[in-house]
């Protein structure tokens, strides 16, 4: 889905697809990497956001990732989102209270998600099986009423569970 299209824009089209009974996965493919578009696309129900200048193999991988139910943000978008979080003052809200719904292990898994770890990496770090981590991720999404891993990462930052500068990324 593109952001700018004639008639109905990509954000509205994504919203309409997300409101349907049959779950539809949407990958936004656009030249516009503005974080406002990213947030709106995620709120509308998109599972991924990729820039059009991405290599073909990354596009194919992104389609597969989103199709299997996972989420994806273009690395340059991820950097921009993190920078925006860094600049924004922390606003008090009830998100931190929602964390109380999670068990201690679910909090550890959520922190792993926020660090960008895969299920296998989280499992190795916590010395549990991949299936156990997958179950924890599903419960986290359910308890916090989130759609996917991307929303979980955003929630971890907005709730204060994870702070900018604490996350380590492999480059």
N, C-alpha and C. Protein backbone atom coordinates (compact mmCIF):
# COMPACT_ATOMS: atom_id res chain seq x y z
N UNK A 1 0.86 -1.17 0.00
CA UNK A 1 0.00 0.00 0.00
C UNK A 1 0.90 1.23 0.00
N UNK A 2 0.56 2.20 -0.79
CA UNK A 2 1.30 3.47 -0.80
C UNK A 2 0.53 4.47 0.06
N UNK A 3 1.23 5.46 0.60
CA UNK A 3 0.59 6.50 1.41
C UNK A 3 -0.29 7.39 0.54
N UNK A 4 0.29 7.90 -0.52
CA UNK A 4 -0.45 8.82 -1.40
C UNK A 4 -0.94 8.07 -2.63
N UNK A 5 -2.26 8.02 -2.74
CA UNK A 5 -2.91 7.37 -3.88
C UNK A 5 -4.10 8.24 -4.28
N UNK A 6 -4.51 8.16 -5.53
CA UNK A 6 -5.69 8.93 -5.94
C UNK A 6 -6.95 8.38 -5.28
N UNK A 7 -7.89 9.25 -5.02
CA UNK A 7 -9.14 8.82 -4.38
C UNK A 7 -8.96 8.69 -2.89
N UNK A 8 -8.76 7.47 -2.44
CA UNK A 8 -8.57 7.19 -1.02
C UNK A 8 -7.07 7.02 -0.77
N UNK A 9 -6.54 7.73 0.22
CA UNK A 9 -5.10 7.58 0.49
C UNK A 9 -4.83 6.23 1.16
N UNK A 10 -3.58 5.84 1.19
CA UNK A 10 -3.19 4.54 1.72
C UNK A 10 -3.51 4.33 3.18
N UNK A 11 -3.49 5.42 3.95
CA UNK A 11 -3.81 5.30 5.37
C UNK A 11 -5.28 4.95 5.56
N UNK A 12 -6.15 5.64 4.82
CA UNK A 12 -7.59 5.36 4.93
C UNK A 12 -7.90 3.96 4.39
N UNK A 13 -7.27 3.59 3.29
CA UNK A 13 -7.48 2.25 2.73
C UNK A 13 -7.03 1.18 3.73
N UNK A 14 -5.92 1.42 4.41
CA UNK A 14 -5.43 0.48 5.42
C UNK A 14 -6.42 0.39 6.58
N UNK A 15 -6.95 1.54 7.01
CA UNK A 15 -7.97 1.55 8.08
C UNK A 15 -9.16 0.69 7.69
N UNK A 16 -9.63 0.89 6.47
CA UNK A 16 -10.80 0.14 6.00
C UNK A 16 -10.52 -1.36 5.95
N UNK A 17 -9.34 -1.73 5.50
CA UNK A 17 -8.99 -3.15 5.45
C UNK A 17 -8.89 -3.74 6.86
N UNK A 18 -8.36 -2.97 7.79
CA UNK A 18 -8.18 -3.44 9.17
C UNK A 18 -9.51 -3.59 9.90
N UNK A 19 -10.51 -2.83 9.49
CA UNK A 19 -11.83 -2.89 10.13
C UNK A 19 -12.65 -4.09 9.70
N UNK A 20 -12.21 -4.79 8.69
CA UNK A 20 -12.97 -5.94 8.17
C UNK A 20 -12.88 -7.14 9.10
N UNK A 21 -13.82 -8.04 8.94
CA UNK A 21 -13.84 -9.28 9.74
C UNK A 21 -12.64 -10.17 9.43
N UNK A 22 -12.28 -10.25 8.15
CA UNK A 22 -11.15 -11.07 7.73
C UNK A 22 -9.86 -10.30 7.94
N UNK A 23 -8.95 -10.82 8.75
CA UNK A 23 -7.70 -10.08 9.00
C UNK A 23 -6.88 -9.94 7.71
N UNK A 24 -6.43 -8.74 7.45
CA UNK A 24 -5.63 -8.43 6.28
C UNK A 24 -4.34 -7.78 6.74
N UNK A 25 -3.24 -8.25 6.24
CA UNK A 25 -1.93 -7.69 6.59
C UNK A 25 -1.56 -6.66 5.54
N UNK A 26 -1.13 -5.50 5.99
CA UNK A 26 -0.78 -4.42 5.08
C UNK A 26 0.68 -4.02 5.29
N UNK A 27 1.41 -3.94 4.19
CA UNK A 27 2.78 -3.44 4.19
C UNK A 27 2.75 -2.11 3.44
N UNK A 28 3.11 -1.05 4.13
CA UNK A 28 3.17 0.27 3.50
C UNK A 28 4.51 0.36 2.77
N UNK A 29 4.46 0.69 1.50
CA UNK A 29 5.65 0.86 0.66
C UNK A 29 5.57 2.27 0.09
N UNK A 30 6.46 3.14 0.53
CA UNK A 30 6.33 4.55 0.17
C UNK A 30 7.67 5.26 0.08
N UNK A 31 7.65 6.43 -0.51
CA UNK A 31 8.85 7.28 -0.54
C UNK A 31 8.87 8.20 0.66
N UNK A 32 7.76 8.26 1.40
CA UNK A 32 7.62 9.18 2.52
C UNK A 32 7.96 8.48 3.82
N UNK A 33 9.09 8.84 4.42
CA UNK A 33 9.52 8.20 5.66
C UNK A 33 9.25 9.03 6.89
N UNK A 34 8.38 10.03 6.77
CA UNK A 34 8.08 10.90 7.91
C UNK A 34 7.45 10.09 9.03
N UNK A 35 7.90 10.33 10.25
CA UNK A 35 7.41 9.53 11.37
C UNK A 35 5.91 9.70 11.59
N UNK A 36 5.35 10.86 11.23
CA UNK A 36 3.90 11.02 11.37
C UNK A 36 3.16 9.99 10.51
N UNK A 37 3.66 9.75 9.31
CA UNK A 37 3.05 8.74 8.45
C UNK A 37 3.21 7.35 9.06
N UNK A 38 4.35 7.09 9.65
CA UNK A 38 4.59 5.79 10.26
C UNK A 38 3.59 5.55 11.38
N UNK A 39 3.46 6.52 12.28
CA UNK A 39 2.52 6.37 13.40
C UNK A 39 1.10 6.19 12.90
N UNK A 40 0.70 7.00 11.93
CA UNK A 40 -0.66 6.90 11.40
C UNK A 40 -0.88 5.55 10.73
N UNK A 41 0.12 5.07 10.00
CA UNK A 41 0.00 3.78 9.33
C UNK A 41 -0.15 2.65 10.36
N UNK A 42 0.63 2.71 11.43
CA UNK A 42 0.52 1.69 12.47
C UNK A 42 -0.83 1.76 13.18
N UNK A 43 -1.27 2.98 13.47
CA UNK A 43 -2.60 3.14 14.09
C UNK A 43 -3.71 2.64 13.16
N UNK A 44 -3.50 2.80 11.86
CA UNK A 44 -4.50 2.37 10.88
C UNK A 44 -4.55 0.86 10.74
N UNK A 45 -3.49 0.17 11.20
CA UNK A 45 -3.49 -1.28 11.14
C UNK A 45 -2.39 -1.89 10.29
N UNK A 46 -1.48 -1.08 9.76
CA UNK A 46 -0.38 -1.62 8.95
C UNK A 46 0.53 -2.48 9.82
N UNK A 47 1.06 -3.52 9.21
CA UNK A 47 1.99 -4.40 9.92
C UNK A 47 3.44 -4.12 9.54
N UNK A 48 3.64 -3.29 8.55
CA UNK A 48 4.99 -2.98 8.13
C UNK A 48 5.07 -1.67 7.38
N UNK A 49 6.27 -1.11 7.36
CA UNK A 49 6.50 0.18 6.71
C UNK A 49 7.88 0.13 6.09
N UNK A 50 7.94 0.19 4.76
CA UNK A 50 9.20 0.08 4.04
C UNK A 50 9.29 1.19 3.01
N UNK A 51 10.48 1.72 2.82
CA UNK A 51 10.69 2.77 1.84
C UNK A 51 10.89 2.16 0.45
N UNK A 52 10.42 2.88 -0.58
CA UNK A 52 10.48 2.37 -1.94
C UNK A 52 11.90 2.19 -2.46
N UNK A 53 12.86 2.87 -1.87
CA UNK A 53 14.23 2.72 -2.35
C UNK A 53 14.93 1.50 -1.75
N UNK A 54 14.18 0.67 -1.03
CA UNK A 54 14.75 -0.56 -0.47
C UNK A 54 15.07 -1.53 -1.61
N UNK A 55 16.16 -2.29 -1.47
CA UNK A 55 16.49 -3.28 -2.48
C UNK A 55 15.38 -4.32 -2.63
N UNK A 56 15.29 -4.90 -3.82
CA UNK A 56 14.23 -5.87 -4.13
C UNK A 56 14.20 -7.03 -3.14
N UNK A 57 15.38 -7.52 -2.73
CA UNK A 57 15.40 -8.65 -1.80
C UNK A 57 14.82 -8.26 -0.44
N UNK A 58 15.01 -7.00 -0.02
CA UNK A 58 14.42 -6.54 1.24
C UNK A 58 12.90 -6.44 1.11
N UNK A 59 12.43 -6.00 -0.04
CA UNK A 59 10.99 -5.92 -0.28
C UNK A 59 10.36 -7.31 -0.21
N UNK A 60 10.98 -8.27 -0.89
CA UNK A 60 10.45 -9.64 -0.85
C UNK A 60 10.46 -10.20 0.58
N UNK A 61 11.55 -9.96 1.29
CA UNK A 61 11.62 -10.43 2.68
C UNK A 61 10.54 -9.76 3.52
N UNK A 62 10.31 -8.46 3.31
CA UNK A 62 9.29 -7.73 4.07
C UNK A 62 7.90 -8.30 3.81
N UNK A 63 7.60 -8.61 2.56
CA UNK A 63 6.30 -9.19 2.23
C UNK A 63 6.12 -10.52 2.96
N UNK A 64 7.17 -11.33 2.98
CA UNK A 64 7.08 -12.62 3.67
C UNK A 64 6.90 -12.43 5.18
N UNK A 65 7.64 -11.50 5.75
CA UNK A 65 7.56 -11.24 7.19
C UNK A 65 6.15 -10.82 7.58
N UNK A 66 5.59 -9.87 6.84
CA UNK A 66 4.26 -9.37 7.15
C UNK A 66 3.20 -10.45 6.88
N UNK A 67 3.38 -11.21 5.81
CA UNK A 67 2.41 -12.26 5.47
C UNK A 67 2.33 -13.33 6.55
N UNK A 68 3.45 -13.62 7.21
CA UNK A 68 3.41 -14.67 8.25
C UNK A 68 2.92 -14.13 9.60
N UNK A 69 2.59 -12.82 9.64
CA UNK A 69 2.01 -12.27 10.86
C UNK A 69 2.96 -11.46 11.71
N UNK A 70 4.21 -11.33 11.28
CA UNK A 70 5.15 -10.52 12.03
C UNK A 70 5.08 -9.08 11.55
N UNK A 71 5.85 -8.22 12.14
CA UNK A 71 5.83 -6.80 11.80
C UNK A 71 7.23 -6.35 11.41
N UNK A 72 7.29 -5.23 10.67
CA UNK A 72 8.56 -4.77 10.16
C UNK A 72 8.56 -3.26 9.98
N UNK A 73 9.65 -2.62 10.38
CA UNK A 73 9.87 -1.21 10.08
C UNK A 73 11.20 -1.09 9.36
N UNK A 74 11.25 -0.27 8.33
CA UNK A 74 12.49 0.01 7.63
C UNK A 74 13.51 0.52 8.64
N UNK A 75 14.77 0.06 8.57
CA UNK A 75 15.77 0.50 9.56
C UNK A 75 15.90 2.02 9.67
N UNK A 76 15.79 2.74 8.57
CA UNK A 76 15.89 4.20 8.66
C UNK A 76 14.69 4.78 9.39
N UNK A 77 13.54 4.14 9.26
CA UNK A 77 12.34 4.57 9.97
C UNK A 77 12.53 4.30 11.46
N UNK A 78 13.07 3.13 11.79
CA UNK A 78 13.31 2.79 13.19
C UNK A 78 14.21 3.83 13.85
N UNK A 79 15.28 4.22 13.15
CA UNK A 79 16.17 5.26 13.71
C UNK A 79 15.42 6.56 13.93
N UNK A 80 14.58 6.95 12.96
CA UNK A 80 13.83 8.20 13.09
C UNK A 80 12.84 8.14 14.25
N UNK A 81 12.19 7.00 14.42
CA UNK A 81 11.23 6.83 15.52
C UNK A 81 11.96 6.93 16.86
N UNK A 82 13.11 6.28 16.97
CA UNK A 82 13.88 6.34 18.21
C UNK A 82 14.32 7.77 18.49
N UNK A 83 14.77 8.48 17.48
CA UNK A 83 15.16 9.88 17.66
C UNK A 83 13.99 10.73 18.13
N UNK A 84 12.82 10.47 17.56
CA UNK A 84 11.65 11.23 17.98
C UNK A 84 11.28 10.93 19.43
N UNK A 85 11.37 9.66 19.83
CA UNK A 85 11.12 9.31 21.23
C UNK A 85 12.10 10.03 22.13
N UNK A 86 13.35 10.10 21.69
CA UNK A 86 14.39 10.75 22.48
C UNK A 86 14.07 12.24 22.69
N UNK A 87 13.56 12.89 21.66
CA UNK A 87 13.27 14.32 21.73
C UNK A 87 12.00 14.64 22.51
N UNK A 88 11.03 13.74 22.48
CA UNK A 88 9.75 14.01 23.13
C UNK A 88 9.88 13.92 24.65
N UNK A 89 9.28 14.86 25.35
CA UNK A 89 9.28 14.71 26.81
C UNK A 89 8.37 13.56 27.21
N UNK A 90 8.74 12.90 28.27
CA UNK A 90 7.92 11.80 28.76
C UNK A 90 6.62 12.36 29.29
N UNK A 91 5.52 11.80 28.84
CA UNK A 91 4.22 12.28 29.28
C UNK A 91 3.61 11.26 30.24
N UNK A 92 3.10 11.74 31.37
CA UNK A 92 2.49 10.80 32.31
C UNK A 92 1.19 10.23 31.71
N UNK A 93 1.02 8.96 31.85
CA UNK A 93 -0.20 8.32 31.36
C UNK A 93 -0.41 7.01 32.09
N UNK A 94 -1.40 6.29 31.68
CA UNK A 94 -1.73 5.05 32.38
C UNK A 94 -1.07 3.83 31.73
N UNK A 95 -0.16 4.04 30.79
CA UNK A 95 0.49 2.91 30.14
C UNK A 95 1.31 2.10 31.14
N UNK A 96 2.00 2.78 32.03
CA UNK A 96 2.81 2.07 33.03
C UNK A 96 1.93 1.17 33.90
N UNK A 97 0.71 1.62 34.18
CA UNK A 97 -0.21 0.79 34.97
C UNK A 97 -0.58 -0.48 34.23
N UNK A 98 -0.66 -0.40 32.90
CA UNK A 98 -0.99 -1.59 32.12
C UNK A 98 0.09 -2.66 32.24
N UNK A 99 1.32 -2.23 32.51
CA UNK A 99 2.41 -3.20 32.68
C UNK A 99 2.14 -4.13 33.85
N UNK A 100 1.34 -3.69 34.81
CA UNK A 100 1.02 -4.52 35.98
C UNK A 100 0.25 -5.77 35.59
N UNK A 101 -0.32 -5.77 34.40
CA UNK A 101 -1.05 -6.95 33.91
C UNK A 101 -0.11 -8.09 33.54
N UNK A 102 1.18 -7.76 33.34
CA UNK A 102 2.14 -8.75 32.86
C UNK A 102 2.88 -9.42 34.02
N UNK A 103 3.23 -10.68 33.80
CA UNK A 103 4.05 -11.39 34.77
C UNK A 103 5.50 -10.90 34.64
N UNK A 104 6.33 -11.27 35.60
CA UNK A 104 7.74 -10.88 35.55
C UNK A 104 8.40 -11.41 34.28
N UNK A 105 8.09 -12.64 33.89
CA UNK A 105 8.68 -13.24 32.68
C UNK A 105 8.19 -12.51 31.43
N UNK A 106 6.92 -12.15 31.40
CA UNK A 106 6.39 -11.41 30.25
C UNK A 106 7.08 -10.05 30.13
N UNK A 107 7.37 -9.42 31.25
CA UNK A 107 8.10 -8.15 31.22
C UNK A 107 9.50 -8.35 30.63
N UNK A 108 10.16 -9.45 30.98
CA UNK A 108 11.48 -9.74 30.42
C UNK A 108 11.39 -9.95 28.91
N UNK A 109 10.37 -10.66 28.49
CA UNK A 109 10.18 -10.91 27.05
C UNK A 109 9.91 -9.58 26.33
N UNK A 110 9.07 -8.74 26.91
CA UNK A 110 8.77 -7.43 26.31
C UNK A 110 10.03 -6.58 26.20
N UNK A 111 10.88 -6.64 27.21
CA UNK A 111 12.15 -5.91 27.14
C UNK A 111 13.04 -6.45 26.02
N UNK A 112 13.02 -7.75 25.83
CA UNK A 112 13.76 -8.35 24.71
C UNK A 112 13.22 -7.88 23.37
N UNK A 113 11.90 -7.83 23.25
CA UNK A 113 11.28 -7.30 22.03
C UNK A 113 11.74 -5.87 21.77
N UNK A 114 11.73 -5.07 22.82
CA UNK A 114 12.11 -3.66 22.69
C UNK A 114 13.57 -3.51 22.27
N UNK A 115 14.39 -4.51 22.60
CA UNK A 115 15.80 -4.48 22.20
C UNK A 115 15.98 -5.01 20.79
N UNK A 116 14.89 -5.41 20.15
CA UNK A 116 14.97 -5.88 18.77
C UNK A 116 15.35 -7.34 18.63
N UNK A 117 15.23 -8.11 19.70
CA UNK A 117 15.61 -9.52 19.66
C UNK A 117 14.52 -10.37 19.02
N UNK A 118 14.93 -11.42 18.34
CA UNK A 118 13.99 -12.39 17.79
C UNK A 118 13.53 -13.31 18.91
N UNK A 119 12.51 -14.13 18.64
CA UNK A 119 12.05 -15.09 19.63
C UNK A 119 13.19 -16.03 20.04
N UNK A 120 13.96 -16.49 19.06
CA UNK A 120 15.07 -17.40 19.35
C UNK A 120 16.12 -16.73 20.24
N UNK A 121 16.42 -15.47 19.99
CA UNK A 121 17.41 -14.76 20.80
C UNK A 121 16.90 -14.54 22.23
N UNK A 122 15.61 -14.21 22.35
CA UNK A 122 15.02 -14.04 23.68
C UNK A 122 15.05 -15.38 24.42
N UNK A 123 14.69 -16.46 23.71
CA UNK A 123 14.68 -17.79 24.32
C UNK A 123 16.07 -18.16 24.83
N UNK A 124 17.09 -17.89 24.03
CA UNK A 124 18.46 -18.22 24.45
C UNK A 124 18.87 -17.41 25.67
N UNK A 125 18.49 -16.14 25.68
CA UNK A 125 18.85 -15.27 26.80
C UNK A 125 18.15 -15.68 28.09
N UNK A 126 16.89 -16.09 27.97
CA UNK A 126 16.11 -16.45 29.15
C UNK A 126 16.18 -17.95 29.47
N UNK A 127 16.88 -18.70 28.64
CA UNK A 127 17.05 -20.15 28.80
C UNK A 127 15.69 -20.85 28.84
N UNK A 128 14.89 -20.57 27.81
CA UNK A 128 13.60 -21.23 27.62
C UNK A 128 13.49 -21.61 26.15
N UNK A 129 12.45 -22.34 25.79
CA UNK A 129 12.25 -22.73 24.41
C UNK A 129 11.63 -21.62 23.57
N UNK A 130 11.82 -21.72 22.25
CA UNK A 130 11.23 -20.76 21.32
C UNK A 130 9.71 -20.70 21.47
N UNK A 131 9.10 -21.87 21.63
CA UNK A 131 7.65 -21.94 21.78
C UNK A 131 7.16 -21.20 23.01
N UNK A 132 7.95 -21.27 24.08
CA UNK A 132 7.60 -20.57 25.32
C UNK A 132 7.60 -19.07 25.09
N UNK A 133 8.62 -18.59 24.39
CA UNK A 133 8.69 -17.15 24.10
C UNK A 133 7.52 -16.75 23.21
N UNK A 134 7.20 -17.56 22.22
CA UNK A 134 6.08 -17.26 21.33
C UNK A 134 4.78 -17.15 22.13
N UNK A 135 4.60 -18.04 23.09
CA UNK A 135 3.41 -17.99 23.95
C UNK A 135 3.40 -16.71 24.78
N UNK A 136 4.56 -16.35 25.33
CA UNK A 136 4.64 -15.11 26.12
C UNK A 136 4.33 -13.90 25.25
N UNK A 137 4.86 -13.86 24.03
CA UNK A 137 4.59 -12.74 23.12
C UNK A 137 3.09 -12.64 22.85
N UNK A 138 2.46 -13.77 22.57
CA UNK A 138 1.01 -13.77 22.31
C UNK A 138 0.24 -13.25 23.51
N UNK A 139 0.63 -13.67 24.71
CA UNK A 139 -0.05 -13.20 25.93
C UNK A 139 0.18 -11.72 26.17
N UNK A 140 1.38 -11.24 25.89
CA UNK A 140 1.68 -9.80 26.03
C UNK A 140 0.77 -9.00 25.11
N UNK A 141 0.71 -9.42 23.85
CA UNK A 141 -0.14 -8.71 22.89
C UNK A 141 -1.60 -8.72 23.33
N UNK A 142 -2.06 -9.86 23.83
CA UNK A 142 -3.45 -9.96 24.28
C UNK A 142 -3.70 -9.09 25.50
N UNK A 143 -2.86 -9.20 26.51
CA UNK A 143 -3.06 -8.47 27.76
C UNK A 143 -2.99 -6.95 27.56
N UNK A 144 -2.14 -6.51 26.64
CA UNK A 144 -1.97 -5.08 26.43
C UNK A 144 -2.82 -4.57 25.25
N UNK A 145 -3.59 -5.48 24.66
CA UNK A 145 -4.47 -5.14 23.53
C UNK A 145 -3.66 -4.51 22.38
N UNK A 146 -2.59 -5.21 22.00
CA UNK A 146 -1.72 -4.76 20.93
C UNK A 146 -1.84 -5.72 19.75
N UNK A 147 -1.58 -5.20 18.55
CA UNK A 147 -1.75 -5.99 17.34
C UNK A 147 -0.52 -6.81 16.98
N UNK A 148 0.68 -6.26 17.21
CA UNK A 148 1.88 -6.96 16.75
C UNK A 148 3.10 -6.51 17.54
N UNK A 149 4.26 -7.05 17.15
CA UNK A 149 5.52 -6.78 17.85
C UNK A 149 5.91 -5.31 17.76
N UNK A 150 5.63 -4.67 16.64
CA UNK A 150 5.98 -3.25 16.50
C UNK A 150 5.24 -2.43 17.54
N UNK A 151 3.95 -2.69 17.70
CA UNK A 151 3.18 -1.97 18.71
C UNK A 151 3.71 -2.28 20.11
N UNK A 152 4.16 -3.51 20.33
CA UNK A 152 4.71 -3.88 21.64
C UNK A 152 5.98 -3.08 21.93
N UNK A 153 6.83 -2.92 20.93
CA UNK A 153 8.06 -2.14 21.12
C UNK A 153 7.72 -0.68 21.43
N UNK A 154 6.80 -0.11 20.68
CA UNK A 154 6.38 1.27 20.93
C UNK A 154 5.81 1.39 22.34
N UNK A 155 4.98 0.42 22.74
CA UNK A 155 4.41 0.43 24.08
C UNK A 155 5.50 0.38 25.14
N UNK A 156 6.53 -0.45 24.92
CA UNK A 156 7.62 -0.57 25.90
C UNK A 156 8.29 0.77 26.12
N UNK A 157 8.47 1.54 25.07
CA UNK A 157 9.09 2.87 25.20
C UNK A 157 8.12 3.87 25.81
N UNK A 158 6.90 3.90 25.32
CA UNK A 158 5.94 4.90 25.80
C UNK A 158 5.56 4.67 27.26
N UNK A 159 5.58 3.43 27.71
CA UNK A 159 5.22 3.13 29.10
C UNK A 159 6.38 3.37 30.06
N UNK A 160 7.58 3.54 29.51
CA UNK A 160 8.74 3.75 30.36
C UNK A 160 9.45 2.46 30.74
N UNK A 161 8.97 1.31 30.25
CA UNK A 161 9.63 0.04 30.56
C UNK A 161 11.05 0.04 30.01
N UNK A 162 11.21 0.58 28.83
CA UNK A 162 12.52 0.67 28.18
C UNK A 162 12.78 2.13 27.87
N UNK A 163 14.01 2.55 28.07
CA UNK A 163 14.36 3.94 27.81
C UNK A 163 15.34 4.05 26.67
N UNK A 164 15.29 5.16 25.97
CA UNK A 164 16.23 5.43 24.89
C UNK A 164 17.64 5.42 25.47
N UNK A 165 18.54 4.79 24.74
CA UNK A 165 19.92 4.73 25.19
C UNK A 165 20.23 3.45 25.94
N UNK A 166 19.19 2.74 26.38
CA UNK A 166 19.39 1.49 27.09
C UNK A 166 19.44 0.33 26.10
N UNK A 167 18.78 0.49 24.96
CA UNK A 167 18.69 -0.56 23.96
C UNK A 167 20.02 -0.66 23.21
N UNK A 168 20.48 -1.90 23.00
CA UNK A 168 21.69 -2.13 22.23
C UNK A 168 21.31 -2.78 20.92
N UNK A 169 21.81 -2.22 19.81
CA UNK A 169 21.53 -2.77 18.50
C UNK A 169 22.81 -3.31 17.90
N UNK A 170 22.72 -4.47 17.28
CA UNK A 170 23.86 -5.01 16.53
C UNK A 170 23.85 -4.38 15.16
N UNK A 171 25.01 -3.90 14.73
CA UNK A 171 25.09 -3.30 13.40
C UNK A 171 25.99 -4.09 12.50
